[in-house]
Amino acid sequence: MEPICPLLTLGGDRRVVSGSPDAAHRCVAGGTLTTIERDYQARFCLTGRHETCERYLAHVEQSGPLGPAWRGAAPDATFASTRLVVDSAPRSLIGPRPRRLGTAALIVFGLLLTGVLVSWIGLGGLTANLGPSSTPAPSATGTSSLLPEPSASVESSPSASVAPTPSPVPTPTPAPTPLTYIVQTGDTLNAIAARFGTTAQAIRDANGLTSDIIQVGQVLIIPIP
């Protein structure tokens, strides 16, 4: 008895099967591809218990018993009873199966590689043509051309003269209006001077007096000190 169910295939290819649970496994019972859970594969499909599987029993009942010489293999298989068992280790340990590059991807890759080679060869030829003599020597006058040209002198425009601000002329203080006093009975020149805070001499000078004699009713100019 085969330990692996003959109805179990890898990705629909009946000539290949994995020795461990694989998400790509399909059951071909009844002529259709059915997805099988990994746990179910480990308990039935990859062990001798596959003969108790309901799908297996239904297929045997419909198509007859299956064995090593089962004719359910691909039509182009040389030996129908030979299947390639791959991936004996768990897929979580060996990593995912590498994807095959399609024909279009290979063509694009070839075109890209050809373009790189052509560019590299063309660049090599261009470098070979550019010898040491092709490097332009610096001209003798090259240095002088780097000197900055004298800039045109810009005449400074005459600045506007600022007229000096005239100092304010002090406003003359108007002379105080002199006071007048009418001489009363009993007044003396010294008493009048003491009353107005001045001196008798100042009163004499203001009124043109030559002595201290004054008359009742006389109007005297009292200078303000």
N, C-alpha and C. Protein backbone atom coordinates (compact mmCIF):
# COMPACT_ATOMS: atom_id res chain seq x y z
N MET A 1 0.86 -1.20 0.00
CA MET A 1 0.00 0.00 0.00
C MET A 1 0.89 1.25 0.00
N GLU A 2 0.62 2.19 -0.91
CA GLU A 2 1.38 3.44 -0.94
C GLU A 2 0.99 4.29 0.26
N PRO A 3 2.01 4.90 0.95
CA PRO A 3 1.67 5.77 2.09
C PRO A 3 1.02 7.07 1.65
N ILE A 4 1.28 7.48 0.39
CA ILE A 4 0.70 8.74 -0.11
C ILE A 4 -0.44 8.41 -1.05
N CYS A 5 -1.53 9.13 -0.88
CA CYS A 5 -2.71 8.89 -1.70
C CYS A 5 -2.40 9.13 -3.17
N PRO A 6 -2.72 8.21 -4.06
CA PRO A 6 -2.47 8.42 -5.49
C PRO A 6 -3.32 9.52 -6.10
N LEU A 7 -4.34 9.97 -5.39
CA LEU A 7 -5.18 11.05 -5.89
C LEU A 7 -4.64 12.42 -5.49
N LEU A 8 -3.54 12.44 -4.73
CA LEU A 8 -2.95 13.70 -4.27
C LEU A 8 -1.93 14.17 -5.30
N THR A 9 -2.04 15.41 -5.75
CA THR A 9 -1.11 15.97 -6.72
C THR A 9 -0.59 17.31 -6.21
N LEU A 10 0.48 17.78 -6.81
CA LEU A 10 1.06 19.06 -6.43
C LEU A 10 0.77 20.07 -7.54
N GLY A 11 -0.13 20.97 -7.27
CA GLY A 11 -0.48 21.99 -8.25
C GLY A 11 -1.18 21.44 -9.46
N GLY A 12 -1.83 20.28 -9.36
CA GLY A 12 -2.55 19.71 -10.49
C GLY A 12 -1.70 18.82 -11.38
N ASP A 13 -0.38 18.72 -11.12
CA ASP A 13 0.48 17.84 -11.91
C ASP A 13 0.47 16.47 -11.24
N ARG A 14 -0.16 15.50 -11.87
CA ARG A 14 -0.35 14.18 -11.25
C ARG A 14 0.94 13.38 -11.17
N ARG A 15 2.00 13.87 -11.77
CA ARG A 15 3.27 13.15 -11.69
C ARG A 15 4.10 13.60 -10.50
N VAL A 16 3.69 14.67 -9.80
CA VAL A 16 4.49 15.23 -8.71
C VAL A 16 3.62 15.34 -7.46
N VAL A 17 4.23 15.00 -6.32
CA VAL A 17 3.55 15.13 -5.04
C VAL A 17 4.60 15.50 -4.01
N SER A 18 4.20 16.25 -2.99
CA SER A 18 5.12 16.62 -1.92
C SER A 18 4.99 15.63 -0.77
N GLY A 19 6.14 15.36 -0.11
CA GLY A 19 6.11 14.42 1.01
C GLY A 19 5.65 15.04 2.30
N SER A 20 5.31 16.31 2.30
CA SER A 20 4.84 17.00 3.50
C SER A 20 3.63 17.85 3.14
N PRO A 21 2.84 18.29 4.11
CA PRO A 21 1.67 19.12 3.82
C PRO A 21 2.07 20.37 3.05
N ASP A 22 1.33 20.66 2.00
CA ASP A 22 1.66 21.77 1.13
C ASP A 22 0.37 22.45 0.68
N ALA A 23 0.40 23.80 0.67
CA ALA A 23 -0.79 24.55 0.25
C ALA A 23 -1.11 24.34 -1.22
N ALA A 24 -0.10 23.88 -2.00
CA ALA A 24 -0.32 23.66 -3.43
C ALA A 24 -0.90 22.28 -3.73
N HIS A 25 -1.06 21.44 -2.74
CA HIS A 25 -1.63 20.10 -2.97
C HIS A 25 -3.10 20.22 -3.40
N ARG A 26 -3.47 19.36 -4.34
CA ARG A 26 -4.86 19.29 -4.79
C ARG A 26 -5.27 17.82 -4.87
N CYS A 27 -6.55 17.58 -4.62
CA CYS A 27 -7.11 16.24 -4.73
C CYS A 27 -7.85 16.16 -6.07
N VAL A 28 -7.54 15.11 -6.87
CA VAL A 28 -8.14 14.97 -8.20
C VAL A 28 -9.29 13.98 -8.20
N ALA A 29 -9.77 13.64 -7.02
CA ALA A 29 -10.89 12.69 -6.96
C ALA A 29 -12.09 13.27 -7.69
N GLY A 30 -12.76 12.41 -8.50
CA GLY A 30 -13.94 12.84 -9.25
C GLY A 30 -13.60 13.68 -10.46
N GLY A 31 -12.30 13.79 -10.82
CA GLY A 31 -11.92 14.55 -11.99
C GLY A 31 -11.83 16.05 -11.78
N THR A 32 -11.91 16.50 -10.53
CA THR A 32 -11.82 17.94 -10.23
C THR A 32 -10.65 18.17 -9.27
N LEU A 33 -10.11 19.39 -9.28
CA LEU A 33 -9.02 19.76 -8.37
C LEU A 33 -9.63 20.41 -7.13
N THR A 34 -9.42 19.76 -5.99
CA THR A 34 -10.01 20.23 -4.74
C THR A 34 -8.90 20.62 -3.78
N THR A 35 -9.03 21.80 -3.17
CA THR A 35 -8.05 22.25 -2.18
C THR A 35 -8.21 21.45 -0.89
N ILE A 36 -7.08 21.10 -0.28
CA ILE A 36 -7.09 20.27 0.93
C ILE A 36 -6.34 21.01 2.02
N GLU A 37 -6.92 21.02 3.20
CA GLU A 37 -6.27 21.68 4.31
C GLU A 37 -5.03 20.89 4.72
N ARG A 38 -4.01 21.58 5.25
CA ARG A 38 -2.76 20.93 5.62
C ARG A 38 -2.97 19.87 6.72
N ASP A 39 -3.83 20.21 7.67
CA ASP A 39 -4.07 19.25 8.75
C ASP A 39 -4.67 17.95 8.21
N TYR A 40 -5.59 18.09 7.26
CA TYR A 40 -6.20 16.90 6.66
C TYR A 40 -5.16 16.12 5.85
N GLN A 41 -4.24 16.81 5.19
CA GLN A 41 -3.20 16.13 4.43
C GLN A 41 -2.33 15.30 5.37
N ALA A 42 -1.97 15.90 6.52
CA ALA A 42 -1.10 15.20 7.45
C ALA A 42 -1.78 13.97 8.06
N ARG A 43 -3.10 14.03 8.24
CA ARG A 43 -3.80 12.92 8.88
C ARG A 43 -4.23 11.83 7.91
N PHE A 44 -4.47 12.20 6.65
CA PHE A 44 -4.99 11.21 5.71
C PHE A 44 -4.15 11.10 4.43
N CYS A 45 -4.05 12.21 3.68
CA CYS A 45 -3.51 12.14 2.32
C CYS A 45 -2.07 11.64 2.28
N LEU A 46 -1.25 11.97 3.29
CA LEU A 46 0.17 11.59 3.29
C LEU A 46 0.44 10.36 4.14
N THR A 47 -0.57 9.63 4.50
CA THR A 47 -0.42 8.40 5.31
C THR A 47 -1.26 7.29 4.68
N GLY A 48 -1.12 6.08 5.26
CA GLY A 48 -1.91 4.95 4.77
C GLY A 48 -3.39 5.09 5.06
N ARG A 49 -3.78 6.07 5.84
CA ARG A 49 -5.20 6.27 6.16
C ARG A 49 -5.95 6.93 5.02
N HIS A 50 -5.26 7.23 3.92
CA HIS A 50 -5.97 7.87 2.80
C HIS A 50 -7.05 6.96 2.23
N GLU A 51 -6.92 5.61 2.45
CA GLU A 51 -7.94 4.70 1.93
C GLU A 51 -9.24 4.79 2.69
N THR A 52 -9.23 5.51 3.81
CA THR A 52 -10.48 5.72 4.56
C THR A 52 -11.11 7.08 4.25
N CYS A 53 -10.47 7.86 3.37
CA CYS A 53 -10.98 9.19 3.01
C CYS A 53 -12.26 9.03 2.20
N GLU A 54 -13.23 9.87 2.47
CA GLU A 54 -14.51 9.78 1.77
C GLU A 54 -14.34 10.05 0.28
N ARG A 55 -13.49 11.04 -0.09
CA ARG A 55 -13.29 11.34 -1.50
C ARG A 55 -12.58 10.16 -2.21
N TYR A 56 -11.64 9.55 -1.50
CA TYR A 56 -10.95 8.39 -2.07
C TYR A 56 -11.92 7.23 -2.30
N LEU A 57 -12.75 6.94 -1.28
CA LEU A 57 -13.70 5.83 -1.40
C LEU A 57 -14.71 6.10 -2.50
N ALA A 58 -15.18 7.36 -2.64
CA ALA A 58 -16.14 7.67 -3.70
C ALA A 58 -15.51 7.52 -5.07
N HIS A 59 -14.21 7.90 -5.18
CA HIS A 59 -13.53 7.76 -6.47
C HIS A 59 -13.33 6.29 -6.82
N VAL A 60 -12.95 5.46 -5.83
CA VAL A 60 -12.76 4.02 -6.07
C VAL A 60 -14.07 3.37 -6.47
N GLU A 61 -15.15 3.77 -5.81
CA GLU A 61 -16.45 3.20 -6.12
C GLU A 61 -16.88 3.56 -7.54
N GLN A 62 -16.49 4.73 -8.00
CA GLN A 62 -16.89 5.16 -9.34
C GLN A 62 -15.94 4.66 -10.42
N SER A 63 -14.61 4.66 -10.15
CA SER A 63 -13.63 4.33 -11.18
C SER A 63 -12.94 3.01 -10.98
N GLY A 64 -13.14 2.33 -9.86
CA GLY A 64 -12.46 1.06 -9.60
C GLY A 64 -11.30 1.25 -8.65
N PRO A 65 -10.72 0.16 -8.16
CA PRO A 65 -9.63 0.23 -7.19
C PRO A 65 -8.39 0.90 -7.80
N LEU A 66 -7.64 1.56 -6.92
CA LEU A 66 -6.42 2.26 -7.33
C LEU A 66 -5.23 1.56 -6.71
N GLY A 67 -4.12 1.62 -7.37
CA GLY A 67 -2.91 1.00 -6.85
C GLY A 67 -1.69 1.63 -7.47
N PRO A 68 -0.54 0.95 -7.36
CA PRO A 68 0.68 1.52 -7.94
C PRO A 68 0.58 1.73 -9.44
N ALA A 69 -0.23 0.91 -10.13
CA ALA A 69 -0.34 1.03 -11.59
C ALA A 69 -1.58 1.84 -11.96
N TRP A 70 -1.99 2.80 -11.05
CA TRP A 70 -3.20 3.61 -11.31
C TRP A 70 -3.03 4.42 -12.58
N ARG A 71 -4.01 4.33 -13.47
CA ARG A 71 -3.95 4.99 -14.77
C ARG A 71 -4.47 6.42 -14.72
N GLY A 72 -4.55 6.96 -13.55
CA GLY A 72 -5.02 8.34 -13.46
C GLY A 72 -3.92 9.36 -13.68
N ALA A 73 -2.71 8.92 -14.04
CA ALA A 73 -1.61 9.85 -14.23
C ALA A 73 -1.80 10.65 -15.51
N ALA A 74 -0.89 11.59 -15.73
CA ALA A 74 -0.98 12.42 -16.92
C ALA A 74 -0.80 11.57 -18.16
N PRO A 75 -1.48 11.88 -19.26
CA PRO A 75 -1.42 11.05 -20.48
C PRO A 75 0.00 10.94 -21.03
N ASP A 76 0.86 11.96 -20.83
CA ASP A 76 2.20 11.90 -21.39
C ASP A 76 3.21 11.27 -20.45
N ALA A 77 2.78 10.68 -19.33
CA ALA A 77 3.71 10.03 -18.39
C ALA A 77 4.18 8.72 -18.99
N THR A 78 5.52 8.44 -18.87
CA THR A 78 6.08 7.19 -19.39
C THR A 78 5.65 6.02 -18.54
N PHE A 79 5.72 6.17 -17.22
CA PHE A 79 5.28 5.13 -16.30
C PHE A 79 4.20 5.73 -15.43
N ALA A 80 3.01 5.18 -15.58
CA ALA A 80 1.88 5.75 -14.85
C ALA A 80 2.02 5.57 -13.36
N SER A 81 2.76 4.54 -12.93
CA SER A 81 2.85 4.26 -11.51
C SER A 81 3.98 5.03 -10.85
N THR A 82 4.75 5.81 -11.59
CA THR A 82 5.89 6.54 -11.01
C THR A 82 5.50 7.99 -10.80
N ARG A 83 5.68 8.43 -9.56
CA ARG A 83 5.45 9.85 -9.23
C ARG A 83 6.68 10.40 -8.53
N LEU A 84 6.97 11.66 -8.79
CA LEU A 84 8.11 12.31 -8.18
C LEU A 84 7.66 12.91 -6.85
N VAL A 85 8.28 12.43 -5.78
CA VAL A 85 7.97 12.93 -4.44
C VAL A 85 9.02 13.97 -4.09
N VAL A 86 8.60 15.20 -3.90
CA VAL A 86 9.52 16.31 -3.63
C VAL A 86 9.19 16.93 -2.29
N ASP A 87 10.13 17.76 -1.86
CA ASP A 87 9.88 18.58 -0.67
C ASP A 87 9.53 17.69 0.52
N SER A 88 10.45 16.75 0.84
CA SER A 88 10.18 15.84 1.94
C SER A 88 10.20 16.56 3.28
N ALA A 89 10.94 17.68 3.37
CA ALA A 89 10.97 18.45 4.61
C ALA A 89 9.79 19.42 4.63
N PRO A 90 9.35 19.86 5.81
CA PRO A 90 8.24 20.83 5.88
C PRO A 90 8.60 22.10 5.13
N ARG A 91 7.63 22.68 4.42
CA ARG A 91 7.86 23.87 3.61
C ARG A 91 8.25 25.07 4.47
N SER A 92 7.84 25.07 5.74
CA SER A 92 8.22 26.18 6.60
C SER A 92 9.70 26.20 6.90
N LEU A 93 10.41 25.02 6.67
CA LEU A 93 11.84 24.96 6.95
C LEU A 93 12.68 25.26 5.72
N ILE A 94 12.19 24.91 4.54
CA ILE A 94 13.00 25.06 3.34
C ILE A 94 12.61 26.29 2.53
N GLY A 95 11.59 27.00 2.95
CA GLY A 95 11.22 28.23 2.26
C GLY A 95 10.30 27.95 1.08
N PRO A 96 9.73 28.98 0.50
CA PRO A 96 8.79 28.82 -0.62
C PRO A 96 9.52 28.35 -1.87
N ARG A 97 8.78 27.64 -2.73
CA ARG A 97 9.33 27.15 -3.99
C ARG A 97 9.57 28.32 -4.93
N PRO A 98 10.75 28.41 -5.50
CA PRO A 98 11.04 29.56 -6.38
C PRO A 98 10.14 29.55 -7.60
N ARG A 99 9.74 30.72 -8.00
CA ARG A 99 8.88 30.88 -9.16
C ARG A 99 9.71 30.83 -10.43
N ARG A 100 9.14 30.27 -11.46
CA ARG A 100 9.83 30.21 -12.74
C ARG A 100 9.61 31.49 -13.52
N LEU A 101 10.67 31.93 -14.15
CA LEU A 101 10.54 33.12 -14.99
C LEU A 101 9.83 32.77 -16.28
N GLY A 102 8.87 33.57 -16.65
CA GLY A 102 8.17 33.33 -17.90
C GLY A 102 9.04 33.71 -19.09
N THR A 103 8.55 33.32 -20.26
CA THR A 103 9.30 33.60 -21.49
C THR A 103 9.43 35.10 -21.72
N ALA A 104 8.36 35.85 -21.44
CA ALA A 104 8.41 37.31 -21.65
C ALA A 104 9.44 37.95 -20.73
N ALA A 105 9.52 37.46 -19.46
CA ALA A 105 10.49 38.02 -18.53
C ALA A 105 11.91 37.74 -18.99
N LEU A 106 12.15 36.52 -19.52
CA LEU A 106 13.48 36.18 -20.02
C LEU A 106 13.86 37.06 -21.21
N ILE A 107 12.90 37.34 -22.09
CA ILE A 107 13.18 38.18 -23.26
C ILE A 107 13.54 39.60 -22.82
N VAL A 108 12.76 40.14 -21.86
CA VAL A 108 13.04 41.49 -21.36
C VAL A 108 14.40 41.56 -20.71
N PHE A 109 14.72 40.52 -19.92
CA PHE A 109 16.03 40.48 -19.25
C PHE A 109 17.15 40.44 -20.27
N GLY A 110 16.96 39.63 -21.35
CA GLY A 110 17.99 39.55 -22.39
C GLY A 110 18.19 40.87 -23.10
N LEU A 111 17.07 41.58 -23.38
CA LEU A 111 17.19 42.88 -24.04
C LEU A 111 17.92 43.89 -23.15
N LEU A 112 17.60 43.88 -21.86
CA LEU A 112 18.27 44.79 -20.94
C LEU A 112 19.76 44.50 -20.86
N LEU A 113 20.11 43.21 -20.79
CA LEU A 113 21.53 42.83 -20.73
C LEU A 113 22.25 43.24 -22.00
N THR A 114 21.60 43.06 -23.17
CA THR A 114 22.22 43.46 -24.44
C THR A 114 22.45 44.97 -24.48
N GLY A 115 21.47 45.74 -24.01
CA GLY A 115 21.62 47.19 -24.00
C GLY A 115 22.77 47.63 -23.12
N VAL A 116 22.92 46.97 -21.96
CA VAL A 116 24.03 47.32 -21.06
C VAL A 116 25.36 47.03 -21.71
N LEU A 117 25.47 45.88 -22.38
CA LEU A 117 26.73 45.52 -23.04
C LEU A 117 27.06 46.51 -24.16
N VAL A 118 26.05 46.86 -24.97
CA VAL A 118 26.29 47.81 -26.06
C VAL A 118 26.74 49.16 -25.52
N SER A 119 26.09 49.61 -24.46
CA SER A 119 26.48 50.90 -23.87
C SER A 119 27.89 50.84 -23.32
N TRP A 120 28.23 49.74 -22.69
CA TRP A 120 29.59 49.60 -22.12
C TRP A 120 30.65 49.59 -23.22
N ILE A 121 30.37 48.84 -24.32
CA ILE A 121 31.33 48.79 -25.44
C ILE A 121 31.47 50.16 -26.08
N GLY A 122 30.36 50.85 -26.30
CA GLY A 122 30.41 52.19 -26.91
C GLY A 122 31.17 53.17 -26.03
N LEU A 123 30.99 53.09 -24.72
CA LEU A 123 31.69 53.97 -23.81
C LEU A 123 33.18 53.69 -23.83
N GLY A 124 33.56 52.39 -23.95
CA GLY A 124 34.97 52.04 -24.02
C GLY A 124 35.62 52.59 -25.27
N GLY A 125 34.92 52.52 -26.43
CA GLY A 125 35.46 53.07 -27.67
C GLY A 125 35.61 54.57 -27.61
N LEU A 126 34.64 55.23 -26.99
CA LEU A 126 34.72 56.67 -26.88
C LEU A 126 35.89 57.10 -26.01
N THR A 127 36.14 56.34 -24.94
CA THR A 127 37.26 56.65 -24.06
C THR A 127 38.59 56.44 -24.76
N ALA A 128 38.65 55.40 -25.62
CA ALA A 128 39.89 55.13 -26.35
C ALA A 128 40.19 56.23 -27.34
N ASN A 129 39.16 56.80 -27.98
CA ASN A 129 39.38 57.87 -28.96
C ASN A 129 39.85 59.16 -28.31
N LEU A 130 39.48 59.34 -27.06
CA LEU A 130 39.89 60.56 -26.37
C LEU A 130 41.26 60.34 -25.75
N GLY A 131 42.34 60.59 -26.50
CA GLY A 131 43.70 60.41 -26.01
C GLY A 131 44.13 61.58 -25.18
N PRO A 132 45.38 61.52 -24.66
CA PRO A 132 45.88 62.65 -23.86
C PRO A 132 45.96 63.93 -24.65
N SER A 133 46.26 63.80 -26.03
CA SER A 133 46.42 65.01 -26.83
C SER A 133 45.10 65.73 -27.07
N SER A 134 43.97 65.01 -26.83
CA SER A 134 42.67 65.64 -27.10
C SER A 134 42.25 66.59 -26.01
N THR A 135 43.00 66.57 -24.89
CA THR A 135 42.63 67.47 -23.81
C THR A 135 43.00 68.89 -24.18
N PRO A 136 42.12 69.81 -24.25
CA PRO A 136 42.45 71.18 -24.66
C PRO A 136 43.35 71.84 -23.65
N ALA A 137 44.50 72.41 -24.19
CA ALA A 137 45.44 73.10 -23.31
C ALA A 137 44.92 74.47 -22.98
N PRO A 138 45.16 74.91 -21.80
CA PRO A 138 44.69 76.25 -21.43
C PRO A 138 45.42 77.31 -22.21
N SER A 139 44.74 78.27 -22.77
CA SER A 139 45.32 79.34 -23.56
C SER A 139 46.06 80.32 -22.67
N ALA A 140 47.07 81.00 -23.31
CA ALA A 140 47.88 81.94 -22.53
C ALA A 140 47.05 83.12 -22.07
N THR A 141 46.07 83.46 -22.89
CA THR A 141 45.23 84.61 -22.54
C THR A 141 44.05 84.24 -21.67
N GLY A 142 44.01 82.95 -21.31
CA GLY A 142 42.85 82.53 -20.53
C GLY A 142 42.83 83.17 -19.16
N THR A 143 44.04 83.42 -18.61
CA THR A 143 44.07 83.96 -17.25
C THR A 143 43.57 85.40 -17.21
N SER A 144 43.96 86.15 -18.26
CA SER A 144 43.55 87.56 -18.24
C SER A 144 42.05 87.71 -18.40
N SER A 145 41.43 86.72 -19.09
CA SER A 145 39.99 86.84 -19.28
C SER A 145 39.23 86.61 -18.00
N LEU A 146 39.94 86.03 -17.02
CA LEU A 146 39.25 85.78 -15.76
C LEU A 146 39.27 86.98 -14.84
N LEU A 147 40.15 87.99 -15.18
CA LEU A 147 40.22 89.16 -14.32
C LEU A 147 38.94 89.97 -14.44
N PRO A 148 38.48 90.51 -13.38
CA PRO A 148 37.24 91.29 -13.45
C PRO A 148 37.46 92.59 -14.18
N GLU A 149 36.53 92.95 -15.05
CA GLU A 149 36.61 94.20 -15.78
C GLU A 149 36.36 95.36 -14.84
N PRO A 150 37.11 96.46 -15.08
CA PRO A 150 36.88 97.62 -14.19
C PRO A 150 35.48 98.17 -14.36
N SER A 151 34.87 98.35 -13.29
CA SER A 151 33.50 98.85 -13.35
C SER A 151 33.50 100.36 -13.55
N ALA A 152 32.51 100.83 -14.26
CA ALA A 152 32.41 102.27 -14.52
C ALA A 152 32.19 103.01 -13.23
N SER A 153 32.96 104.08 -13.09
CA SER A 153 32.84 104.86 -11.86
C SER A 153 31.49 105.56 -11.84
N VAL A 154 30.94 105.50 -10.75
CA VAL A 154 29.62 106.13 -10.58
C VAL A 154 29.80 107.40 -9.80
N GLU A 155 29.49 108.49 -10.46
CA GLU A 155 29.62 109.76 -9.77
C GLU A 155 28.52 109.90 -8.73
N SER A 156 28.99 110.26 -7.59
CA SER A 156 28.00 110.42 -6.52
C SER A 156 27.27 111.72 -6.71
N SER A 157 26.01 111.65 -6.65
CA SER A 157 25.19 112.85 -6.82
C SER A 157 25.37 113.75 -5.62
N PRO A 158 25.45 115.01 -5.86
CA PRO A 158 25.64 115.93 -4.71
C PRO A 158 24.48 115.82 -3.75
N SER A 159 24.86 115.69 -2.52
CA SER A 159 23.81 115.58 -1.51
C SER A 159 23.19 116.95 -1.26
N ALA A 160 21.96 116.92 -1.00
CA ALA A 160 21.26 118.19 -0.75
C ALA A 160 21.77 118.82 0.54
N SER A 161 22.14 120.07 0.45
CA SER A 161 22.64 120.77 1.64
C SER A 161 21.48 121.06 2.58
N VAL A 162 21.76 120.84 3.82
CA VAL A 162 20.74 121.06 4.83
C VAL A 162 20.96 122.43 5.44
N ALA A 163 19.98 123.27 5.31
CA ALA A 163 20.10 124.62 5.87
C ALA A 163 20.07 124.54 7.38
N PRO A 164 20.97 125.25 8.04
CA PRO A 164 20.96 125.20 9.53
C PRO A 164 19.68 125.79 10.09
N THR A 165 19.23 125.12 11.10
CA THR A 165 18.01 125.59 11.76
C THR A 165 18.33 126.86 12.56
N PRO A 166 17.65 127.95 12.28
CA PRO A 166 17.95 129.19 13.03
C PRO A 166 17.59 129.03 14.50
N SER A 167 18.49 129.50 15.32
CA SER A 167 18.23 129.41 16.75
C SER A 167 17.10 130.38 17.11
N PRO A 168 16.25 129.96 18.00
CA PRO A 168 15.12 130.84 18.35
C PRO A 168 15.59 132.13 19.01
N VAL A 169 15.01 133.22 18.55
CA VAL A 169 15.34 134.54 19.11
C VAL A 169 14.53 134.72 20.38
N PRO A 170 15.20 134.96 21.47
CA PRO A 170 14.42 135.15 22.72
C PRO A 170 13.52 136.37 22.65
N THR A 171 12.31 136.15 23.07
CA THR A 171 11.34 137.25 23.07
C THR A 171 11.65 138.18 24.23
N PRO A 172 11.85 139.45 23.94
CA PRO A 172 12.19 140.38 25.04
C PRO A 172 11.05 140.50 26.04
N THR A 173 11.44 140.45 27.26
CA THR A 173 10.45 140.58 28.33
C THR A 173 10.03 142.04 28.44
N PRO A 174 8.75 142.30 28.30
CA PRO A 174 8.31 143.70 28.39
C PRO A 174 8.64 144.30 29.75
N ALA A 175 9.05 145.53 29.73
CA ALA A 175 9.39 146.23 30.98
C ALA A 175 8.14 146.39 31.84
N PRO A 176 8.28 146.09 33.10
CA PRO A 176 7.11 146.22 33.98
C PRO A 176 6.62 147.67 34.05
N THR A 177 5.36 147.77 34.09
CA THR A 177 4.76 149.12 34.19
C THR A 177 5.09 149.71 35.57
N PRO A 178 5.69 150.89 35.61
CA PRO A 178 6.06 151.47 36.92
C PRO A 178 4.81 151.82 37.75
N LEU A 179 5.02 151.68 39.01
CA LEU A 179 3.91 152.01 39.93
C LEU A 179 3.96 153.50 40.28
N THR A 180 2.82 154.00 40.58
CA THR A 180 2.74 155.42 41.03
C THR A 180 2.09 155.43 42.41
N TYR A 181 2.51 156.42 43.16
CA TYR A 181 1.99 156.54 44.52
C TYR A 181 1.78 158.02 44.83
N ILE A 182 0.62 158.29 45.43
CA ILE A 182 0.29 159.67 45.83
C ILE A 182 0.68 159.82 47.29
N VAL A 183 1.48 160.78 47.53
CA VAL A 183 1.99 161.02 48.88
C VAL A 183 0.84 161.42 49.80
N GLN A 184 0.80 160.77 50.96
CA GLN A 184 -0.23 161.03 51.97
C GLN A 184 0.42 161.77 53.14
N THR A 185 -0.45 162.25 53.98
CA THR A 185 0.03 162.98 55.16
C THR A 185 0.83 162.03 56.03
N GLY A 186 1.95 162.46 56.45
CA GLY A 186 2.80 161.67 57.33
C GLY A 186 3.77 160.77 56.58
N ASP A 187 3.73 160.70 55.25
CA ASP A 187 4.64 159.83 54.50
C ASP A 187 6.01 160.44 54.45
N THR A 188 6.99 159.57 54.48
CA THR A 188 8.37 159.98 54.24
C THR A 188 8.90 159.12 53.08
N LEU A 189 9.98 159.62 52.53
CA LEU A 189 10.53 158.91 51.37
C LEU A 189 11.03 157.51 51.77
N ASN A 190 11.61 157.40 52.93
CA ASN A 190 12.11 156.10 53.39
C ASN A 190 10.95 155.14 53.68
N ALA A 191 9.84 155.67 54.25
CA ALA A 191 8.69 154.82 54.56
C ALA A 191 8.06 154.26 53.27
N ILE A 192 7.96 155.16 52.27
CA ILE A 192 7.39 154.70 50.99
C ILE A 192 8.30 153.63 50.36
N ALA A 193 9.60 153.87 50.43
CA ALA A 193 10.54 152.89 49.85
C ALA A 193 10.44 151.54 50.57
N ALA A 194 10.29 151.58 51.89
CA ALA A 194 10.17 150.33 52.63
C ALA A 194 8.87 149.61 52.30
N ARG A 195 7.81 150.39 52.07
CA ARG A 195 6.52 149.75 51.75
C ARG A 195 6.59 148.99 50.42
N PHE A 196 7.26 149.51 49.41
CA PHE A 196 7.30 148.88 48.09
C PHE A 196 8.56 148.03 47.85
N GLY A 197 9.36 147.89 48.86
CA GLY A 197 10.55 147.03 48.74
C GLY A 197 11.62 147.63 47.89
N THR A 198 11.78 148.92 47.92
CA THR A 198 12.83 149.57 47.14
C THR A 198 13.61 150.48 48.07
N THR A 199 14.36 151.36 47.45
CA THR A 199 15.18 152.27 48.26
C THR A 199 14.76 153.71 47.99
N ALA A 200 15.10 154.58 48.94
CA ALA A 200 14.77 156.00 48.79
C ALA A 200 15.54 156.59 47.63
N GLN A 201 16.82 156.14 47.42
CA GLN A 201 17.62 156.64 46.32
C GLN A 201 17.00 156.26 44.98
N ALA A 202 16.44 155.05 44.90
CA ALA A 202 15.82 154.63 43.65
C ALA A 202 14.60 155.50 43.36
N ILE A 203 13.84 155.87 44.41
CA ILE A 203 12.68 156.72 44.18
C ILE A 203 13.13 158.11 43.75
N ARG A 204 14.21 158.62 44.37
CA ARG A 204 14.71 159.93 43.99
C ARG A 204 15.16 159.93 42.53
N ASP A 205 15.89 158.83 42.13
CA ASP A 205 16.38 158.78 40.75
C ASP A 205 15.22 158.68 39.77
N ALA A 206 14.13 157.94 40.14
CA ALA A 206 13.02 157.77 39.23
C ALA A 206 12.21 159.06 39.08
N ASN A 207 12.24 159.86 40.10
CA ASN A 207 11.41 161.06 40.05
C ASN A 207 12.25 162.34 39.87
N GLY A 208 13.57 162.19 39.80
CA GLY A 208 14.44 163.38 39.61
C GLY A 208 14.49 164.27 40.82
N LEU A 209 14.39 163.70 42.04
CA LEU A 209 14.42 164.48 43.27
C LEU A 209 15.87 164.68 43.70
N THR A 210 16.12 165.83 44.27
CA THR A 210 17.47 166.11 44.75
C THR A 210 17.56 166.03 46.25
N SER A 211 16.38 165.83 46.91
CA SER A 211 16.38 165.71 48.37
C SER A 211 15.25 164.78 48.77
N ASP A 212 15.11 164.57 50.08
CA ASP A 212 14.07 163.67 50.58
C ASP A 212 12.76 164.41 50.86
N ILE A 213 12.66 165.67 50.47
CA ILE A 213 11.47 166.45 50.78
C ILE A 213 10.40 166.10 49.75
N ILE A 214 9.22 165.75 50.25
CA ILE A 214 8.09 165.43 49.38
C ILE A 214 6.88 166.17 49.91
N GLN A 215 5.86 166.34 49.02
CA GLN A 215 4.68 167.11 49.39
C GLN A 215 3.47 166.18 49.35
N VAL A 216 2.48 166.52 50.25
CA VAL A 216 1.24 165.76 50.27
C VAL A 216 0.53 165.95 48.94
N GLY A 217 0.05 164.85 48.34
CA GLY A 217 -0.62 164.91 47.06
C GLY A 217 0.33 164.76 45.89
N GLN A 218 1.65 164.73 46.18
CA GLN A 218 2.62 164.58 45.10
C GLN A 218 2.58 163.14 44.57
N VAL A 219 2.60 162.98 43.24
CA VAL A 219 2.61 161.66 42.60
C VAL A 219 4.08 161.21 42.37
N LEU A 220 4.40 160.10 42.98
CA LEU A 220 5.77 159.60 42.88
C LEU A 220 5.79 158.29 42.01
N ILE A 221 6.77 158.15 41.19
CA ILE A 221 6.99 156.90 40.42
C ILE A 221 7.80 155.93 41.29
N ILE A 222 7.24 154.78 41.55
CA ILE A 222 7.93 153.81 42.39
C ILE A 222 8.59 152.76 41.47
N PRO A 223 9.89 152.74 41.36
CA PRO A 223 10.56 151.73 40.51
C PRO A 223 10.42 150.31 41.10
N ILE A 224 10.17 149.40 40.18
CA ILE A 224 10.07 148.00 40.63
C ILE A 224 11.46 147.39 40.70
N PRO A 225 11.82 146.81 41.81
CA PRO A 225 13.18 146.27 41.95
C PRO A 225 13.40 145.05 41.08
